[in-house]
Amino acid sequence: MPVKRRNHGRSRHGRHKTTLVDCSHCGCKPCKDKAISRYIARNIADASSLRDLQEASVYQEYTLPKIYRKNYYCVSCAVHSRVVRGRSKEDRRNRQPPPRFRRSNDNKDQKKN
């Protein structure tokens, strides 16, 4: 029978069972090796509230802590909420991670001056 993916959609590699995790979107329980995981680090307050807090704060250099969370998605929820996209047969063979877009520090320095 033809196989769509070389790892059958899992990254189990010699293990018999893997633990179940909760999908952040629908609450189903996919296997940890099959689930799509995304790590999110965001501020506790939004930008406008952050500005108000900084103006009302006694401390000049105080930075608010961030919320760190690891989200797991089942495959159907990840595709539905566009966390991942379906790829063509040729693109599925590409195992390189997608390019990461990061802001350069030059932009930050120019805004401060």
PDB file of N, CA and C in Angstrom:
ATOM      1  N   MET A   1       0.838  -1.177   0.000  1.00  0.00           N
ATOM      2  CA  MET A   1       0.000   0.000   0.000  1.00  0.00           C
ATOM      3  C   MET A   1       0.887   1.246   0.000  1.00  0.00           C
ATOM      4  N   PRO A   2       0.570   2.242  -0.810  1.00  0.00           N
ATOM      5  CA  PRO A   2       1.422   3.433  -0.861  1.00  0.00           C
ATOM      6  C   PRO A   2       1.379   4.213   0.460  1.00  0.00           C
ATOM      7  N   VAL A   3       2.504   4.810   0.779  1.00  0.00           N
ATOM      8  CA  VAL A   3       2.653   5.542   2.031  1.00  0.00           C
ATOM      9  C   VAL A   3       2.757   7.024   1.712  1.00  0.00           C
ATOM     10  N   LYS A   4       2.005   7.838   2.428  1.00  0.00           N
ATOM     11  CA  LYS A   4       2.007   9.273   2.175  1.00  0.00           C
ATOM     12  C   LYS A   4       3.214   9.956   2.813  1.00  0.00           C
ATOM     13  N   ARG A   5       3.569   9.544   4.031  1.00  0.00           N
ATOM     14  CA  ARG A   5       4.699  10.139   4.730  1.00  0.00           C
ATOM     15  C   ARG A   5       5.662   9.050   5.168  1.00  0.00           C
ATOM     16  N   ARG A   6       6.949   9.369   5.144  1.00  0.00           N
ATOM     17  CA  ARG A   6       7.941   8.343   5.456  1.00  0.00           C
ATOM     18  C   ARG A   6       7.931   7.974   6.931  1.00  0.00           C
ATOM     19  N   ASN A   7       7.454   8.859   7.818  1.00  0.00           N
ATOM     20  CA  ASN A   7       7.385   8.537   9.240  1.00  0.00           C
ATOM     21  C   ASN A   7       5.955   8.239   9.691  1.00  0.00           C
ATOM     22  N   HIS A   8       5.035   8.085   8.752  1.00  0.00           N
ATOM     23  CA  HIS A   8       3.627   7.800   9.021  1.00  0.00           C
ATOM     24  C   HIS A   8       2.975   8.870   9.891  1.00  0.00           C
ATOM     25  N   GLY A   9       3.487  10.099   9.839  1.00  0.00           N
ATOM     26  CA  GLY A   9       2.896  11.205  10.580  1.00  0.00           C
ATOM     27  C   GLY A   9       3.252  11.235  12.046  1.00  0.00           C
ATOM     28  N   ARG A  10       4.244  10.458  12.470  1.00  0.00           N
ATOM     29  CA  ARG A  10       4.631  10.425  13.879  1.00  0.00           C
ATOM     30  C   ARG A  10       6.145  10.482  13.997  1.00  0.00           C
ATOM     31  N   SER A  11       6.630  10.859  15.156  1.00  0.00           N
ATOM     32  CA  SER A  11       8.084  10.867  15.383  1.00  0.00           C
ATOM     33  C   SER A  11       8.415   9.961  16.555  1.00  0.00           C
ATOM     34  N   ARG A  12       7.939   8.739  16.507  1.00  0.00           N
ATOM     35  CA  ARG A  12       8.040   7.812  17.625  1.00  0.00           C
ATOM     36  C   ARG A  12       9.413   7.149  17.701  1.00  0.00           C
ATOM     37  N   HIS A  13       9.980   6.755  16.600  1.00  0.00           N
ATOM     38  CA  HIS A  13      11.338   6.236  16.460  1.00  0.00           C
ATOM     39  C   HIS A  13      11.731   5.213  17.516  1.00  0.00           C
ATOM     40  N   GLY A  14      11.140   4.028  17.439  1.00  0.00           N
ATOM     41  CA  GLY A  14      11.550   2.929  18.299  1.00  0.00           C
ATOM     42  C   GLY A  14      10.825   2.833  19.627  1.00  0.00           C
ATOM     43  N   ARG A  15      10.015   3.812  19.964  1.00  0.00           N
ATOM     44  CA  ARG A  15       9.250   3.729  21.207  1.00  0.00           C
ATOM     45  C   ARG A  15       7.929   3.035  20.926  1.00  0.00           C
ATOM     46  N   HIS A  16       7.440   2.290  21.901  1.00  0.00           N
ATOM     47  CA  HIS A  16       6.179   1.582  21.704  1.00  0.00           C
ATOM     48  C   HIS A  16       4.995   2.520  21.892  1.00  0.00           C
ATOM     49  N   LYS A  17       4.994   3.278  22.985  1.00  0.00           N
ATOM     50  CA  LYS A  17       3.897   4.202  23.255  1.00  0.00           C
ATOM     51  C   LYS A  17       4.446   5.566  23.618  1.00  0.00           C
ATOM     52  N   THR A  18       3.665   6.588  23.373  1.00  0.00           N
ATOM     53  CA  THR A  18       4.001   7.936  23.825  1.00  0.00           C
ATOM     54  C   THR A  18       2.809   8.496  24.579  1.00  0.00           C
ATOM     55  N   THR A  19       3.044   9.486  25.409  1.00  0.00           N
ATOM     56  CA  THR A  19       1.986  10.039  26.240  1.00  0.00           C
ATOM     57  C   THR A  19       1.009  10.855  25.401  1.00  0.00           C
ATOM     58  N   LEU A  20      -0.182  11.022  25.930  1.00  0.00           N
ATOM     59  CA  LEU A  20      -1.195  11.821  25.269  1.00  0.00           C
ATOM     60  C   LEU A  20      -1.145  13.247  25.807  1.00  0.00           C
ATOM     61  N   VAL A  21      -1.387  14.205  24.945  1.00  0.00           N
ATOM     62  CA  VAL A  21      -1.444  15.614  25.343  1.00  0.00           C
ATOM     63  C   VAL A  21      -2.803  16.171  24.951  1.00  0.00           C
ATOM     64  N   ASP A  22      -3.186  17.281  25.551  1.00  0.00           N
ATOM     65  CA  ASP A  22      -4.462  17.918  25.242  1.00  0.00           C
ATOM     66  C   ASP A  22      -4.287  18.917  24.111  1.00  0.00           C
ATOM     67  N   CYS A  23      -5.169  18.863  23.134  1.00  0.00           N
ATOM     68  CA  CYS A  23      -5.178  19.852  22.065  1.00  0.00           C
ATOM     69  C   CYS A  23      -5.664  21.183  22.648  1.00  0.00           C
ATOM     70  N   SER A  24      -4.955  22.266  22.360  1.00  0.00           N
ATOM     71  CA  SER A  24      -5.313  23.577  22.902  1.00  0.00           C
ATOM     72  C   SER A  24      -6.566  24.149  22.257  1.00  0.00           C
ATOM     73  N   HIS A  25      -6.965  23.598  21.125  1.00  0.00           N
ATOM     74  CA  HIS A  25      -8.084  24.164  20.370  1.00  0.00           C
ATOM     75  C   HIS A  25      -9.385  23.422  20.631  1.00  0.00           C
ATOM     76  N   CYS A  26      -9.366  22.086  20.517  1.00  0.00           N
ATOM     77  CA  CYS A  26     -10.618  21.332  20.630  1.00  0.00           C
ATOM     78  C   CYS A  26     -10.666  20.421  21.846  1.00  0.00           C
ATOM     79  N   GLY A  27      -9.524  20.180  22.505  1.00  0.00           N
ATOM     80  CA  GLY A  27      -9.526  19.363  23.705  1.00  0.00           C
ATOM     81  C   GLY A  27      -9.353  17.873  23.472  1.00  0.00           C
ATOM     82  N   CYS A  28      -9.170  17.436  22.232  1.00  0.00           N
ATOM     83  CA  CYS A  28      -8.944  16.009  22.007  1.00  0.00           C
ATOM     84  C   CYS A  28      -7.534  15.648  22.487  1.00  0.00           C
ATOM     85  N   LYS A  29      -7.210  14.381  22.502  1.00  0.00           N
ATOM     86  CA  LYS A  29      -5.942  13.932  23.061  1.00  0.00           C
ATOM     87  C   LYS A  29      -5.099  13.219  22.002  1.00  0.00           C
ATOM     88  N   PRO A  30      -4.323  13.972  21.207  1.00  0.00           N
ATOM     89  CA  PRO A  30      -3.407  13.316  20.271  1.00  0.00           C
ATOM     90  C   PRO A  30      -2.150  12.840  20.996  1.00  0.00           C
ATOM     91  N   CYS A  31      -1.434  11.913  20.378  1.00  0.00           N
ATOM     92  CA  CYS A  31      -0.161  11.466  20.929  1.00  0.00           C
ATOM     93  C   CYS A  31       0.826  12.625  20.887  1.00  0.00           C
ATOM     94  N   LYS A  32       1.739  12.651  21.850  1.00  0.00           N
ATOM     95  CA  LYS A  32       2.675  13.764  21.940  1.00  0.00           C
ATOM     96  C   LYS A  32       3.583  13.835  20.713  1.00  0.00           C
ATOM     97  N   ASP A  33       3.916  12.687  20.126  1.00  0.00           N
ATOM     98  CA  ASP A  33       4.792  12.708  18.962  1.00  0.00           C
ATOM     99  C   ASP A  33       4.054  13.080  17.687  1.00  0.00           C
ATOM    100  N   LYS A  34       2.748  12.978  17.669  1.00  0.00           N
ATOM    101  CA  LYS A  34       1.980  13.332  16.476  1.00  0.00           C
ATOM    102  C   LYS A  34       1.460  14.763  16.537  1.00  0.00           C
ATOM    103  N   ALA A  35       1.296  15.294  17.738  1.00  0.00           N
ATOM    104  CA  ALA A  35       0.737  16.629  17.909  1.00  0.00           C
ATOM    105  C   ALA A  35       1.707  17.692  17.403  1.00  0.00           C
ATOM    106  N   ILE A  36       1.172  18.787  16.924  1.00  0.00           N
ATOM    107  CA  ILE A  36       1.972  19.930  16.478  1.00  0.00           C
ATOM    108  C   ILE A  36       2.124  20.849  17.676  1.00  0.00           C
ATOM    109  N   SER A  37       3.353  21.173  18.038  1.00  0.00           N
ATOM    110  CA  SER A  37       3.585  21.983  19.230  1.00  0.00           C
ATOM    111  C   SER A  37       4.154  23.336  18.832  1.00  0.00           C
ATOM    112  N   ARG A  38       3.674  24.372  19.495  1.00  0.00           N
ATOM    113  CA  ARG A  38       4.147  25.737  19.288  1.00  0.00           C
ATOM    114  C   ARG A  38       4.376  26.367  20.650  1.00  0.00           C
ATOM    115  N   TYR A  39       5.499  27.047  20.793  1.00  0.00           N
ATOM    116  CA  TYR A  39       5.858  27.689  22.053  1.00  0.00           C
ATOM    117  C   TYR A  39       5.540  29.172  21.926  1.00  0.00           C
ATOM    118  N   ILE A  40       4.771  29.695  22.890  1.00  0.00           N
ATOM    119  CA  ILE A  40       4.318  31.084  22.821  1.00  0.00           C
ATOM    120  C   ILE A  40       4.854  31.839  24.026  1.00  0.00           C
ATOM    121  N   ALA A  41       5.497  32.972  23.777  1.00  0.00           N
ATOM    122  CA  ALA A  41       5.933  33.877  24.840  1.00  0.00           C
ATOM    123  C   ALA A  41       5.316  35.228  24.534  1.00  0.00           C
ATOM    124  N   ARG A  42       4.417  35.700  25.414  1.00  0.00           N
ATOM    125  CA  ARG A  42       3.773  36.983  25.174  1.00  0.00           C
ATOM    126  C   ARG A  42       3.689  37.775  26.464  1.00  0.00           C
ATOM    127  N   ASN A  43       3.496  39.066  26.318  1.00  0.00           N
ATOM    128  CA  ASN A  43       3.416  39.940  27.473  1.00  0.00           C
ATOM    129  C   ASN A  43       2.122  39.694  28.232  1.00  0.00           C
ATOM    130  N   ILE A  44       2.143  39.993  29.534  1.00  0.00           N
ATOM    131  CA  ILE A  44       0.942  39.850  30.350  1.00  0.00           C
ATOM    132  C   ILE A  44      -0.104  40.863  29.912  1.00  0.00           C
ATOM    133  N   ALA A  45       0.321  42.081  29.621  1.00  0.00           N
ATOM    134  CA  ALA A  45      -0.604  43.139  29.219  1.00  0.00           C
ATOM    135  C   ALA A  45      -0.381  43.482  27.752  1.00  0.00           C
ATOM    136  N   ASP A  46      -1.429  44.016  27.101  1.00  0.00           N
ATOM    137  CA  ASP A  46      -1.273  44.448  25.713  1.00  0.00           C
ATOM    138  C   ASP A  46      -0.508  45.767  25.671  1.00  0.00           C
ATOM    139  N   ALA A  47      -0.258  46.288  24.482  1.00  0.00           N
ATOM    140  CA  ALA A  47       0.633  47.440  24.313  1.00  0.00           C
ATOM    141  C   ALA A  47       0.104  48.696  24.993  1.00  0.00           C
ATOM    142  N   SER A  48      -1.179  48.976  24.861  1.00  0.00           N
ATOM    143  CA  SER A  48      -1.715  50.194  25.459  1.00  0.00           C
ATOM    144  C   SER A  48      -1.729  50.097  26.984  1.00  0.00           C
ATOM    145  N   SER A  49      -2.081  48.950  27.530  1.00  0.00           N
ATOM    146  CA  SER A  49      -2.049  48.764  28.979  1.00  0.00           C
ATOM    147  C   SER A  49      -0.625  48.797  29.508  1.00  0.00           C
ATOM    148  N   LEU A  50       0.307  48.283  28.736  1.00  0.00           N
ATOM    149  CA  LEU A  50       1.709  48.291  29.133  1.00  0.00           C
ATOM    150  C   LEU A  50       2.223  49.715  29.259  1.00  0.00           C
ATOM    151  N   ARG A  51       1.843  50.575  28.323  1.00  0.00           N
ATOM    152  CA  ARG A  51       2.247  51.980  28.367  1.00  0.00           C
ATOM    153  C   ARG A  51       1.657  52.670  29.601  1.00  0.00           C
ATOM    154  N   ASP A  52       0.383  52.391  29.909  1.00  0.00           N
ATOM    155  CA  ASP A  52      -0.251  52.974  31.097  1.00  0.00           C
ATOM    156  C   ASP A  52       0.434  52.503  32.378  1.00  0.00           C
ATOM    157  N   LEU A  53       0.796  51.225  32.427  1.00  0.00           N
ATOM    158  CA  LEU A  53       1.478  50.700  33.605  1.00  0.00           C
ATOM    159  C   LEU A  53       2.860  51.322  33.787  1.00  0.00           C
ATOM    160  N   GLN A  54       3.568  51.547  32.694  1.00  0.00           N
ATOM    161  CA  GLN A  54       4.894  52.147  32.787  1.00  0.00           C
ATOM    162  C   GLN A  54       4.814  53.599  33.251  1.00  0.00           C
ATOM    163  N   GLU A  55       3.792  54.321  32.807  1.00  0.00           N
ATOM    164  CA  GLU A  55       3.634  55.710  33.242  1.00  0.00           C
ATOM    165  C   GLU A  55       3.253  55.791  34.715  1.00  0.00           C
ATOM    166  N   ALA A  56       2.454  54.839  35.210  1.00  0.00           N
ATOM    167  CA  ALA A  56       2.007  54.864  36.596  1.00  0.00           C
ATOM    168  C   ALA A  56       2.998  54.195  37.549  1.00  0.00           C
ATOM    169  N   SER A  57       4.020  53.525  37.026  1.00  0.00           N
ATOM    170  CA  SER A  57       4.946  52.776  37.859  1.00  0.00           C
ATOM    171  C   SER A  57       5.936  53.704  38.558  1.00  0.00           C
ATOM    172  N   VAL A  58       6.343  53.331  39.755  1.00  0.00           N
ATOM    173  CA  VAL A  58       7.341  54.092  40.509  1.00  0.00           C
ATOM    174  C   VAL A  58       8.736  53.797  39.962  1.00  0.00           C
ATOM    175  N   TYR A  59       8.966  52.563  39.530  1.00  0.00           N
ATOM    176  CA  TYR A  59      10.275  52.151  39.043  1.00  0.00           C
ATOM    177  C   TYR A  59      10.435  52.530  37.580  1.00  0.00           C
ATOM    178  N   GLN A  60      11.610  53.033  37.236  1.00  0.00           N
ATOM    179  CA  GLN A  60      11.860  53.468  35.868  1.00  0.00           C
ATOM    180  C   GLN A  60      12.138  52.297  34.929  1.00  0.00           C
ATOM    181  N   GLU A  61      12.948  51.351  35.362  1.00  0.00           N
ATOM    182  CA  GLU A  61      13.425  50.277  34.497  1.00  0.00           C
ATOM    183  C   GLU A  61      12.710  48.955  34.740  1.00  0.00           C
ATOM    184  N   TYR A  62      11.519  48.963  35.294  1.00  0.00           N
ATOM    185  CA  TYR A  62      10.824  47.709  35.603  1.00  0.00           C
ATOM    186  C   TYR A  62      10.203  47.125  34.334  1.00  0.00           C
ATOM    187  N   THR A  63      10.456  45.850  34.099  1.00  0.00           N
ATOM    188  CA  THR A  63       9.845  45.152  32.965  1.00  0.00           C
ATOM    189  C   THR A  63       8.863  44.119  33.502  1.00  0.00           C
ATOM    190  N   LEU A  64       7.696  44.083  32.922  1.00  0.00           N
ATOM    191  CA  LEU A  64       6.686  43.122  33.339  1.00  0.00           C
ATOM    192  C   LEU A  64       7.083  41.712  32.906  1.00  0.00           C
ATOM    193  N   PRO A  65       6.751  40.712  33.687  1.00  0.00           N
ATOM    194  CA  PRO A  65       7.053  39.338  33.273  1.00  0.00           C
ATOM    195  C   PRO A  65       6.191  38.918  32.084  1.00  0.00           C
ATOM    196  N   LYS A  66       6.630  37.866  31.419  1.00  0.00           N
ATOM    197  CA  LYS A  66       5.912  37.367  30.252  1.00  0.00           C
ATOM    198  C   LYS A  66       5.214  36.061  30.588  1.00  0.00           C
ATOM    199  N   ILE A  67       4.257  35.710  29.767  1.00  0.00           N
ATOM    200  CA  ILE A  67       3.569  34.433  29.893  1.00  0.00           C
ATOM    201  C   ILE A  67       4.206  33.476  28.879  1.00  0.00           C
ATOM    202  N   TYR A  68       4.692  32.351  29.372  1.00  0.00           N
ATOM    203  CA  TYR A  68       5.296  31.339  28.515  1.00  0.00           C
ATOM    204  C   TYR A  68       4.383  30.126  28.499  1.00  0.00           C
ATOM    205  N   ARG A  69       4.030  29.663  27.311  1.00  0.00           N
ATOM    206  CA  ARG A  69       3.109  28.541  27.214  1.00  0.00           C
ATOM    207  C   ARG A  69       3.453  27.700  25.990  1.00  0.00           C
ATOM    208  N   LYS A  70       3.349  26.397  26.147  1.00  0.00           N
ATOM    209  CA  LYS A  70       3.542  25.484  25.026  1.00  0.00           C
ATOM    210  C   LYS A  70       2.178  24.955  24.628  1.00  0.00           C
ATOM    211  N   ASN A  71       1.768  25.241  23.413  1.00  0.00           N
ATOM    212  CA  ASN A  71       0.475  24.793  22.904  1.00  0.00           C
ATOM    213  C   ASN A  71       0.671  23.555  22.043  1.00  0.00           C
ATOM    214  N   TYR A  72      -0.205  22.590  22.231  1.00  0.00           N
ATOM    215  CA  TYR A  72      -0.242  21.397  21.392  1.00  0.00           C
ATOM    216  C   TYR A  72      -1.535  21.443  20.586  1.00  0.00           C
ATOM    217  N   TYR A  73      -1.459  21.081  19.315  1.00  0.00           N
ATOM    218  CA  TYR A  73      -2.627  21.032  18.443  1.00  0.00           C
ATOM    219  C   TYR A  73      -2.706  19.660  17.797  1.00  0.00           C
ATOM    220  N   CYS A  74      -3.937  19.137  17.653  1.00  0.00           N
ATOM    221  CA  CYS A  74      -4.089  17.945  16.828  1.00  0.00           C
ATOM    222  C   CYS A  74      -3.942  18.383  15.365  1.00  0.00           C
ATOM    223  N   VAL A  75      -3.765  17.443  14.476  1.00  0.00           N
ATOM    224  CA  VAL A  75      -3.475  17.772  13.081  1.00  0.00           C
ATOM    225  C   VAL A  75      -4.635  18.538  12.450  1.00  0.00           C
ATOM    226  N   SER A  76      -5.861  18.126  12.717  1.00  0.00           N
ATOM    227  CA  SER A  76      -7.001  18.784  12.090  1.00  0.00           C
ATOM    228  C   SER A  76      -7.159  20.213  12.584  1.00  0.00           C
ATOM    229  N   CYS A  77      -6.940  20.462  13.874  1.00  0.00           N
ATOM    230  CA  CYS A  77      -7.048  21.828  14.394  1.00  0.00           C
ATOM    231  C   CYS A  77      -5.899  22.699  13.901  1.00  0.00           C
ATOM    232  N   ALA A  78      -4.704  22.136  13.773  1.00  0.00           N
ATOM    233  CA  ALA A  78      -3.561  22.908  13.282  1.00  0.00           C
ATOM    234  C   ALA A  78      -3.771  23.339  11.844  1.00  0.00           C
ATOM    235  N   VAL A  79      -4.355  22.470  11.029  1.00  0.00           N
ATOM    236  CA  VAL A  79      -4.641  22.831   9.643  1.00  0.00           C
ATOM    237  C   VAL A  79      -5.784  23.836   9.588  1.00  0.00           C
ATOM    238  N   HIS A  80      -6.812  23.625  10.422  1.00  0.00           N
ATOM    239  CA  HIS A  80      -7.977  24.511  10.406  1.00  0.00           C
ATOM    240  C   HIS A  80      -7.624  25.924  10.868  1.00  0.00           C
ATOM    241  N   SER A  81      -6.777  26.041  11.895  1.00  0.00           N
ATOM    242  CA  SER A  81      -6.416  27.364  12.404  1.00  0.00           C
ATOM    243  C   SER A  81      -5.141  27.902  11.761  1.00  0.00           C
ATOM    244  N   ARG A  82      -4.676  27.266  10.714  1.00  0.00           N
ATOM    245  CA  ARG A  82      -3.542  27.684   9.887  1.00  0.00           C
ATOM    246  C   ARG A  82      -2.230  27.771  10.654  1.00  0.00           C
ATOM    247  N   VAL A  83      -2.046  26.893  11.627  1.00  0.00           N
ATOM    248  CA  VAL A  83      -0.749  26.780  12.285  1.00  0.00           C
ATOM    249  C   VAL A  83       0.225  26.102  11.339  1.00  0.00           C
ATOM    250  N   VAL A  84      -0.246  25.070  10.638  1.00  0.00           N
ATOM    251  CA  VAL A  84       0.516  24.414   9.577  1.00  0.00           C
ATOM    252  C   VAL A  84      -0.356  24.377   8.331  1.00  0.00           C
ATOM    253  N   ARG A  85       0.244  24.131   7.208  1.00  0.00           N
ATOM    254  CA  ARG A  85      -0.498  24.070   5.939  1.00  0.00           C
ATOM    255  C   ARG A  85      -0.189  22.750   5.247  1.00  0.00           C
ATOM    256  N   GLY A  86      -1.136  22.328   4.429  1.00  0.00           N
ATOM    257  CA  GLY A  86      -0.899  21.147   3.616  1.00  0.00           C
ATOM    258  C   GLY A  86       0.109  21.463   2.529  1.00  0.00           C
ATOM    259  N   ARG A  87       0.975  20.506   2.233  1.00  0.00           N
ATOM    260  CA  ARG A  87       2.006  20.732   1.217  1.00  0.00           C
ATOM    261  C   ARG A  87       1.869  19.710   0.092  1.00  0.00           C
ATOM    262  N   SER A  88       2.389  20.058  -1.069  1.00  0.00           N
ATOM    263  CA  SER A  88       2.324  19.164  -2.219  1.00  0.00           C
ATOM    264  C   SER A  88       3.275  17.985  -2.017  1.00  0.00           C
ATOM    265  N   LYS A  89       3.186  17.029  -2.905  1.00  0.00           N
ATOM    266  CA  LYS A  89       3.977  15.810  -2.771  1.00  0.00           C
ATOM    267  C   LYS A  89       5.474  16.108  -2.817  1.00  0.00           C
ATOM    268  N   GLU A  90       5.881  17.007  -3.682  1.00  0.00           N
ATOM    269  CA  GLU A  90       7.301  17.358  -3.775  1.00  0.00           C
ATOM    270  C   GLU A  90       7.753  18.147  -2.546  1.00  0.00           C
ATOM    271  N   ASP A  91       6.902  19.041  -2.067  1.00  0.00           N
ATOM    272  CA  ASP A  91       7.270  19.850  -0.907  1.00  0.00           C
ATOM    273  C   ASP A  91       7.306  19.033   0.375  1.00  0.00           C
ATOM    274  N   ARG A  92       6.545  17.936   0.434  1.00  0.00           N
ATOM    275  CA  ARG A  92       6.548  17.096   1.626  1.00  0.00           C
ATOM    276  C   ARG A  92       7.885  16.413   1.835  1.00  0.00           C
ATOM    277  N   ARG A  93       8.645  16.232   0.778  1.00  0.00           N
ATOM    278  CA  ARG A  93       9.954  15.596   0.894  1.00  0.00           C
ATOM    279  C   ARG A  93      10.996  16.546   1.474  1.00  0.00           C
ATOM    280  N   ASN A  94      10.715  17.833   1.455  1.00  0.00           N
ATOM    281  CA  ASN A  94      11.618  18.828   2.018  1.00  0.00           C
ATOM    282  C   ASN A  94      11.524  18.766   3.540  1.00  0.00           C
ATOM    283  N   ARG A  95      12.608  18.341   4.198  1.00  0.00           N
ATOM    284  CA  ARG A  95      12.593  18.173   5.644  1.00  0.00           C
ATOM    285  C   ARG A  95      13.268  19.328   6.376  1.00  0.00           C
ATOM    286  N   GLN A  96      13.671  20.350   5.639  1.00  0.00           N
ATOM    287  CA  GLN A  96      14.288  21.521   6.259  1.00  0.00           C
ATOM    288  C   GLN A  96      13.237  22.334   7.004  1.00  0.00           C
ATOM    289  N   PRO A  97      13.576  22.913   8.160  1.00  0.00           N
ATOM    290  CA  PRO A  97      12.603  23.769   8.841  1.00  0.00           C
ATOM    291  C   PRO A  97      12.367  25.043   8.035  1.00  0.00           C
ATOM    292  N   PRO A  98      11.207  25.646   8.169  1.00  0.00           N
ATOM    293  CA  PRO A  98      10.942  26.866   7.405  1.00  0.00           C
ATOM    294  C   PRO A  98      11.852  27.997   7.867  1.00  0.00           C
ATOM    295  N   PRO A  99      12.117  28.968   7.010  1.00  0.00           N
ATOM    296  CA  PRO A  99      13.007  30.067   7.410  1.00  0.00           C
ATOM    297  C   PRO A  99      12.388  30.892   8.529  1.00  0.00           C
ATOM    298  N   ARG A 100      13.239  31.342   9.449  1.00  0.00           N
ATOM    299  CA  ARG A 100      12.774  32.136  10.581  1.00  0.00           C
ATOM    300  C   ARG A 100      13.008  33.608  10.261  1.00  0.00           C
ATOM    301  N   PHE A 101      11.988  34.389  10.471  1.00  0.00           N
ATOM    302  CA  PHE A 101      12.083  35.814  10.221  1.00  0.00           C
ATOM    303  C   PHE A 101      12.244  36.518  11.560  1.00  0.00           C
ATOM    304  N   ARG A 102      13.387  37.146  11.750  1.00  0.00           N
ATOM    305  CA  ARG A 102      13.655  37.854  12.997  1.00  0.00           C
ATOM    306  C   ARG A 102      13.959  39.310  12.690  1.00  0.00           C
ATOM    307  N   ARG A 103      13.538  40.158  13.624  1.00  0.00           N
ATOM    308  CA  ARG A 103      13.855  41.570  13.456  1.00  0.00           C
ATOM    309  C   ARG A 103      15.326  41.789  13.721  1.00  0.00           C
ATOM    310  N   SER A 104      15.922  42.668  12.963  1.00  0.00           N
ATOM    311  CA  SER A 104      17.318  42.991  13.218  1.00  0.00           C
ATOM    312  C   SER A 104      17.385  44.034  14.327  1.00  0.00           C
ATOM    313  N   ASN A 105      18.485  44.048  15.052  1.00  0.00           N
ATOM    314  CA  ASN A 105      18.664  45.006  16.141  1.00  0.00           C
ATOM    315  C   ASN A 105      18.890  46.419  15.624  1.00  0.00           C
ATOM    316  N   ASP A 106      19.223  46.564  14.336  1.00  0.00           N
ATOM    317  CA  ASP A 106      19.430  47.896  13.764  1.00  0.00           C
ATOM    318  C   ASP A 106      18.148  48.711  13.812  1.00  0.00           C
ATOM    319  N   ASN A 107      17.010  48.070  13.571  1.00  0.00           N
ATOM    320  CA  ASN A 107      15.730  48.790  13.604  1.00  0.00           C
ATOM    321  C   ASN A 107      15.440  49.328  14.996  1.00  0.00           C
ATOM    322  N   LYS A 108      15.756  48.556  16.038  1.00  0.00           N
ATOM    323  CA  LYS A 108      15.512  48.999  17.402  1.00  0.00           C
ATOM    324  C   LYS A 108      16.388  50.200  17.742  1.00  0.00           C
ATOM    325  N   ASP A 109      17.677  50.126  17.307  1.00  0.00           N
ATOM    326  CA  ASP A 109      18.595  51.219  17.615  1.00  0.00           C
ATOM    327  C   ASP A 109      18.187  52.512  16.909  1.00  0.00           C
ATOM    328  N   GLN A 110      17.662  52.406  15.693  1.00  0.00           N
ATOM    329  CA  GLN A 110      17.255  53.599  14.964  1.00  0.00           C
ATOM    330  C   GLN A 110      16.030  54.242  15.597  1.00  0.00           C
ATOM    331  N   LYS A 111      15.111  53.430  16.147  1.00  0.00           N
ATOM    332  CA  LYS A 111      13.919  53.989  16.771  1.00  0.00           C
ATOM    333  C   LYS A 111      14.249  54.709  18.078  1.00  0.00           C
ATOM    334  N   LYS A 112      15.264  54.238  18.802  1.00  0.00           N
ATOM    335  CA  LYS A 112      15.617  54.852  20.068  1.00  0.00           C
ATOM    336  C   LYS A 112      16.274  56.211  19.869  1.00  0.00           C
ATOM    337  N   ASN A 113      17.024  56.373  18.771  1.00  0.00           N
ATOM    338  CA  ASN A 113      17.744  57.634  18.534  1.00  0.00           C
ATOM    339  C   ASN A 113      16.866  58.707  18.008  1.00  0.00           C
TER     340      ASN A 113
END
